[in-house]
Amino acid sequence: MADRVYQAGDLVGVLTTEPLGRVLDYRAPDGGCGDGDFVEVPLGPRRVLGVVWGPGGGGWDPAKVRPVNRVLEARPMRAELRAFLARAAEYTLTPLPSMLRLATRTPGLGDPPSTRRVYRLAGAVPNSLTDARHRVVEALREFGTAPVTLGELLEAAGCGASV
């Protein structure tokens, strides 16, 4: 079965990593979401990690259903993995949220995308440079306008980070 896509405001069922024992209903965020998407949802005063597990069950006052805070920038959990977690939880008599917690224990899953510091040659070059700094400037000129990481720059210039 193909994964479903939910439009903003649709009721979605989110399985969290918290020991609650059931899927919780939330409203899909602006931009929508789909089955298997990793999401951040409000649970009491906290924000917790969850996975869109399917359509919401309903049966609640629509005014009290809270929206998903955000869809994380991670690849969605495939249907096969969701099915495996459900079967493994049933077979081992382990609560499904605990199985999800085991499957999502990856560093930085809920963190925003990291930034990298890059370098490029900008502006005038001082007249008096040490040999090492001259090699750094020449390496930056070779890269042109392309941004360069510190490691790439030091390797191309053949010097240490103290320059």
C-alpha atoms as a PDB file:
ATOM      1  CA  MET A   1       0.000   0.000   0.000  1.00  0.00           C
ATOM      2  CA  ALA A   2       1.313   3.438  -0.917  1.00  0.00           C
ATOM      3  CA  ASP A   3       2.022   5.974   1.792  1.00  0.00           C
ATOM      4  CA  ARG A   4      -0.682   8.585   2.178  1.00  0.00           C
ATOM      5  CA  VAL A   5      -0.120  12.320   2.008  1.00  0.00           C
ATOM      6  CA  TYR A   6      -2.077  14.598   4.331  1.00  0.00           C
ATOM      7  CA  GLN A   7      -2.953  18.197   3.578  1.00  0.00           C
ATOM      8  CA  ALA A   8      -2.647  20.994   6.145  1.00  0.00           C
ATOM      9  CA  GLY A   9      -5.305  20.565   8.817  1.00  0.00           C
ATOM     10  CA  ASP A  10      -6.000  16.855   8.114  1.00  0.00           C
ATOM     11  CA  LEU A  11      -6.107  14.570  11.135  1.00  0.00           C
ATOM     12  CA  VAL A  12      -2.959  12.406  11.366  1.00  0.00           C
ATOM     13  CA  GLY A  13      -1.996   9.678  13.808  1.00  0.00           C
ATOM     14  CA  VAL A  14       1.464  10.221  15.303  1.00  0.00           C
ATOM     15  CA  LEU A  15       3.338   7.560  17.236  1.00  0.00           C
ATOM     16  CA  THR A  16       5.683   9.240  19.693  1.00  0.00           C
ATOM     17  CA  THR A  17       8.677   7.803  21.497  1.00  0.00           C
ATOM     18  CA  GLU A  18       6.962   8.492  24.828  1.00  0.00           C
ATOM     19  CA  PRO A  19       5.530   5.534  26.803  1.00  0.00           C
ATOM     20  CA  LEU A  20       1.860   6.212  26.085  1.00  0.00           C
ATOM     21  CA  GLY A  21       0.915   2.965  24.348  1.00  0.00           C
ATOM     22  CA  ARG A  22      -1.137   4.461  21.534  1.00  0.00           C
ATOM     23  CA  VAL A  23      -1.060   6.684  18.479  1.00  0.00           C
ATOM     24  CA  LEU A  24      -2.018  10.305  19.176  1.00  0.00           C
ATOM     25  CA  ASP A  25      -4.090  12.528  16.896  1.00  0.00           C
ATOM     26  CA  TYR A  26      -2.688  15.807  15.585  1.00  0.00           C
ATOM     27  CA  ARG A  27      -3.543  18.176  12.760  1.00  0.00           C
ATOM     28  CA  ALA A  28      -1.152  18.130   9.797  1.00  0.00           C
ATOM     29  CA  PRO A  29       1.049  21.255   9.621  1.00  0.00           C
ATOM     30  CA  ASP A  30       1.115  23.870   6.879  1.00  0.00           C
ATOM     31  CA  GLY A  31       2.697  22.221   3.860  1.00  0.00           C
ATOM     32  CA  GLY A  32       1.231  18.863   4.866  1.00  0.00           C
ATOM     33  CA  CYS A  33       2.987  15.635   5.771  1.00  0.00           C
ATOM     34  CA  GLY A  34       2.927  11.986   4.817  1.00  0.00           C
ATOM     35  CA  ASP A  35       3.016   8.541   6.352  1.00  0.00           C
ATOM     36  CA  GLY A  36       6.430   7.874   7.863  1.00  0.00           C
ATOM     37  CA  ASP A  37       7.449  11.527   8.180  1.00  0.00           C
ATOM     38  CA  PHE A  38       9.443  12.331  11.299  1.00  0.00           C
ATOM     39  CA  VAL A  39       7.682  15.142  13.134  1.00  0.00           C
ATOM     40  CA  GLU A  40       7.962  17.224  16.263  1.00  0.00           C
ATOM     41  CA  VAL A  41       4.702  17.372  18.199  1.00  0.00           C
ATOM     42  CA  PRO A  42       3.550  19.088  21.391  1.00  0.00           C
ATOM     43  CA  LEU A  43       2.905  16.739  24.304  1.00  0.00           C
ATOM     44  CA  GLY A  44       1.907  18.710  27.363  1.00  0.00           C
ATOM     45  CA  PRO A  45       4.477  21.494  27.795  1.00  0.00           C
ATOM     46  CA  ARG A  46       7.186  19.566  25.886  1.00  0.00           C
ATOM     47  CA  ARG A  47       7.967  18.942  22.243  1.00  0.00           C
ATOM     48  CA  VAL A  48       8.657  15.302  21.412  1.00  0.00           C
ATOM     49  CA  LEU A  49       9.746  13.254  18.418  1.00  0.00           C
ATOM     50  CA  GLY A  50       7.170  11.211  16.563  1.00  0.00           C
ATOM     51  CA  VAL A  51       6.436   9.488  13.270  1.00  0.00           C
ATOM     52  CA  VAL A  52       3.254   9.919  11.239  1.00  0.00           C
ATOM     53  CA  TRP A  53       1.820   6.409  11.582  1.00  0.00           C
ATOM     54  CA  GLY A  54      -1.367   6.843   9.542  1.00  0.00           C
ATOM     55  CA  PRO A  55      -4.624   8.772   9.499  1.00  0.00           C
ATOM     56  CA  GLY A  56      -5.952  10.105  12.766  1.00  0.00           C
ATOM     57  CA  GLY A  57      -8.540   8.082  14.641  1.00  0.00           C
ATOM     58  CA  GLY A  58     -10.867  10.959  15.430  1.00  0.00           C
ATOM     59  CA  GLY A  59     -13.330  10.827  18.293  1.00  0.00           C
ATOM     60  CA  TRP A  60     -11.957  14.025  19.844  1.00  0.00           C
ATOM     61  CA  ASP A  61     -13.195  17.583  19.924  1.00  0.00           C
ATOM     62  CA  PRO A  62     -11.564  19.067  16.786  1.00  0.00           C
ATOM     63  CA  ALA A  63     -10.892  22.328  18.645  1.00  0.00           C
ATOM     64  CA  LYS A  64      -8.682  20.467  21.133  1.00  0.00           C
ATOM     65  CA  VAL A  65      -6.553  18.628  18.560  1.00  0.00           C
ATOM     66  CA  ARG A  66      -3.185  20.365  18.399  1.00  0.00           C
ATOM     67  CA  PRO A  67      -1.168  20.796  15.200  1.00  0.00           C
ATOM     68  CA  VAL A  68       2.155  19.140  14.425  1.00  0.00           C
ATOM     69  CA  ASN A  69       4.914  21.671  15.196  1.00  0.00           C
ATOM     70  CA  ARG A  70       7.120  20.785  12.239  1.00  0.00           C
ATOM     71  CA  VAL A  71       8.143  18.042   9.859  1.00  0.00           C
ATOM     72  CA  LEU A  72      11.809  17.181  10.373  1.00  0.00           C
ATOM     73  CA  GLU A  73      14.233  17.309   7.472  1.00  0.00           C
ATOM     74  CA  ALA A  74      14.909  13.581   7.527  1.00  0.00           C
ATOM     75  CA  ARG A  75      13.973  10.849   5.093  1.00  0.00           C
ATOM     76  CA  PRO A  76      10.574   9.373   5.994  1.00  0.00           C
ATOM     77  CA  MET A  77      10.459   6.004   7.730  1.00  0.00           C
ATOM     78  CA  ARG A  78       9.570   3.417   5.109  1.00  0.00           C
ATOM     79  CA  ALA A  79       6.404   1.348   5.405  1.00  0.00           C
ATOM     80  CA  GLU A  80       8.498  -1.826   5.678  1.00  0.00           C
ATOM     81  CA  LEU A  81      10.302  -0.526   8.763  1.00  0.00           C
ATOM     82  CA  ARG A  82       7.045   0.608  10.357  1.00  0.00           C
ATOM     83  CA  ALA A  83       5.563  -2.855   9.730  1.00  0.00           C
ATOM     84  CA  PHE A  84       8.697  -4.528  11.124  1.00  0.00           C
ATOM     85  CA  LEU A  85       8.562  -2.416  14.284  1.00  0.00           C
ATOM     86  CA  ALA A  86       4.891  -3.285  14.777  1.00  0.00           C
ATOM     87  CA  ARG A  87       5.537  -7.022  14.321  1.00  0.00           C
ATOM     88  CA  ALA A  88       8.633  -6.971  16.542  1.00  0.00           C
ATOM     89  CA  ALA A  89       6.711  -5.130  19.263  1.00  0.00           C
ATOM     90  CA  GLU A  90       3.905  -7.679  19.085  1.00  0.00           C
ATOM     91  CA  TYR A  91       6.269 -10.667  19.038  1.00  0.00           C
ATOM     92  CA  THR A  92       8.443  -9.463  21.923  1.00  0.00           C
ATOM     93  CA  LEU A  93       5.540  -7.985  23.914  1.00  0.00           C
ATOM     94  CA  THR A  94       7.324  -4.639  23.857  1.00  0.00           C
ATOM     95  CA  PRO A  95       5.261  -1.436  23.694  1.00  0.00           C
ATOM     96  CA  LEU A  96       5.345   0.034  20.186  1.00  0.00           C
ATOM     97  CA  PRO A  97       6.606   3.457  21.396  1.00  0.00           C
ATOM     98  CA  SER A  98       9.610   1.687  22.949  1.00  0.00           C
ATOM     99  CA  MET A  99      10.365  -0.023  19.637  1.00  0.00           C
ATOM    100  CA  LEU A 100      10.119   3.339  17.873  1.00  0.00           C
ATOM    101  CA  ARG A 101      12.501   4.839  20.426  1.00  0.00           C
ATOM    102  CA  LEU A 102      15.033   2.101  19.654  1.00  0.00           C
ATOM    103  CA  ALA A 103      14.696   2.768  15.919  1.00  0.00           C
ATOM    104  CA  THR A 104      15.113   6.535  16.254  1.00  0.00           C
ATOM    105  CA  ARG A 105      18.119   6.701  18.562  1.00  0.00           C
ATOM    106  CA  THR A 106      20.303   8.448  16.027  1.00  0.00           C
ATOM    107  CA  PRO A 107      22.297  11.510  17.045  1.00  0.00           C
ATOM    108  CA  GLY A 108      20.909  14.761  15.716  1.00  0.00           C
ATOM    109  CA  LEU A 109      17.686  13.369  14.214  1.00  0.00           C
ATOM    110  CA  GLY A 110      15.605  16.225  15.593  1.00  0.00           C
ATOM    111  CA  ASP A 111      18.255  18.887  15.175  1.00  0.00           C
ATOM    112  CA  PRO A 112      17.986  21.464  12.412  1.00  0.00           C
ATOM    113  CA  PRO A 113      20.434  21.029   9.542  1.00  0.00           C
ATOM    114  CA  SER A 114      23.896  22.005  10.647  1.00  0.00           C
ATOM    115  CA  THR A 115      25.827  24.849   9.120  1.00  0.00           C
ATOM    116  CA  ARG A 116      29.367  24.615   7.866  1.00  0.00           C
ATOM    117  CA  ARG A 117      31.868  27.415   7.898  1.00  0.00           C
ATOM    118  CA  VAL A 118      33.323  27.965   4.447  1.00  0.00           C
ATOM    119  CA  TYR A 119      35.997  30.313   3.178  1.00  0.00           C
ATOM    120  CA  ARG A 120      36.602  32.247  -0.015  1.00  0.00           C
ATOM    121  CA  LEU A 121      38.881  35.072  -1.026  1.00  0.00           C
ATOM    122  CA  ALA A 122      37.230  38.452  -0.576  1.00  0.00           C
ATOM    123  CA  GLY A 123      38.680  41.922  -0.769  1.00  0.00           C
ATOM    124  CA  ALA A 124      42.259  43.083  -0.996  1.00  0.00           C
ATOM    125  CA  VAL A 125      45.181  40.946   0.153  1.00  0.00           C
ATOM    126  CA  PRO A 126      47.698  42.588   2.535  1.00  0.00           C
ATOM    127  CA  ASN A 127      51.156  43.253   1.092  1.00  0.00           C
ATOM    128  CA  SER A 128      53.157  41.610   3.856  1.00  0.00           C
ATOM    129  CA  LEU A 129      52.323  37.909   4.187  1.00  0.00           C
ATOM    130  CA  THR A 130      54.227  35.016   5.657  1.00  0.00           C
ATOM    131  CA  ASP A 131      54.988  32.108   3.329  1.00  0.00           C
ATOM    132  CA  ALA A 132      52.202  30.024   4.861  1.00  0.00           C
ATOM    133  CA  ARG A 133      49.634  32.808   4.495  1.00  0.00           C
ATOM    134  CA  HIS A 134      50.765  33.391   0.917  1.00  0.00           C
ATOM    135  CA  ARG A 135      50.112  29.690   0.195  1.00  0.00           C
ATOM    136  CA  VAL A 136      46.630  30.029   1.718  1.00  0.00           C
ATOM    137  CA  VAL A 137      45.843  33.039  -0.491  1.00  0.00           C
ATOM    138  CA  GLU A 138      47.122  31.183  -3.574  1.00  0.00           C
ATOM    139  CA  ALA A 139      44.999  28.154  -2.685  1.00  0.00           C
ATOM    140  CA  LEU A 140      41.931  30.388  -2.349  1.00  0.00           C
ATOM    141  CA  ARG A 141      42.689  31.922  -5.758  1.00  0.00           C
ATOM    142  CA  GLU A 142      42.875  28.429  -7.279  1.00  0.00           C
ATOM    143  CA  PHE A 143      39.431  27.609  -5.900  1.00  0.00           C
ATOM    144  CA  GLY A 144      38.056  30.810  -7.445  1.00  0.00           C
ATOM    145  CA  THR A 145      34.633  31.812  -6.144  1.00  0.00           C
ATOM    146  CA  ALA A 146      33.792  28.326  -4.850  1.00  0.00           C
ATOM    147  CA  PRO A 147      33.387  28.104  -1.069  1.00  0.00           C
ATOM    148  CA  VAL A 148      36.062  25.954   0.614  1.00  0.00           C
ATOM    149  CA  THR A 149      36.015  24.198   3.987  1.00  0.00           C
ATOM    150  CA  LEU A 150      38.896  24.701   6.381  1.00  0.00           C
ATOM    151  CA  GLY A 151      40.131  21.148   5.864  1.00  0.00           C
ATOM    152  CA  GLU A 152      40.171  21.518   2.075  1.00  0.00           C
ATOM    153  CA  LEU A 153      41.943  24.859   2.328  1.00  0.00           C
ATOM    154  CA  LEU A 154      44.640  23.591   4.703  1.00  0.00           C
ATOM    155  CA  GLU A 155      45.244  20.533   2.536  1.00  0.00           C
ATOM    156  CA  ALA A 156      45.554  22.623  -0.639  1.00  0.00           C
ATOM    157  CA  ALA A 157      47.857  25.161   1.053  1.00  0.00           C
ATOM    158  CA  GLY A 158      49.914  22.542   2.875  1.00  0.00           C
ATOM    159  CA  CYS A 159      49.861  24.332   6.220  1.00  0.00           C
ATOM    160  CA  GLY A 160      48.294  24.094   9.667  1.00  0.00           C
ATOM    161  CA  ALA A 161      45.222  25.787  11.137  1.00  0.00           C
ATOM    162  CA  SER A 162      47.276  28.323  13.096  1.00  0.00           C
ATOM    163  CA  VAL A 163      47.911  30.332   9.936  1.00  0.00           C
END
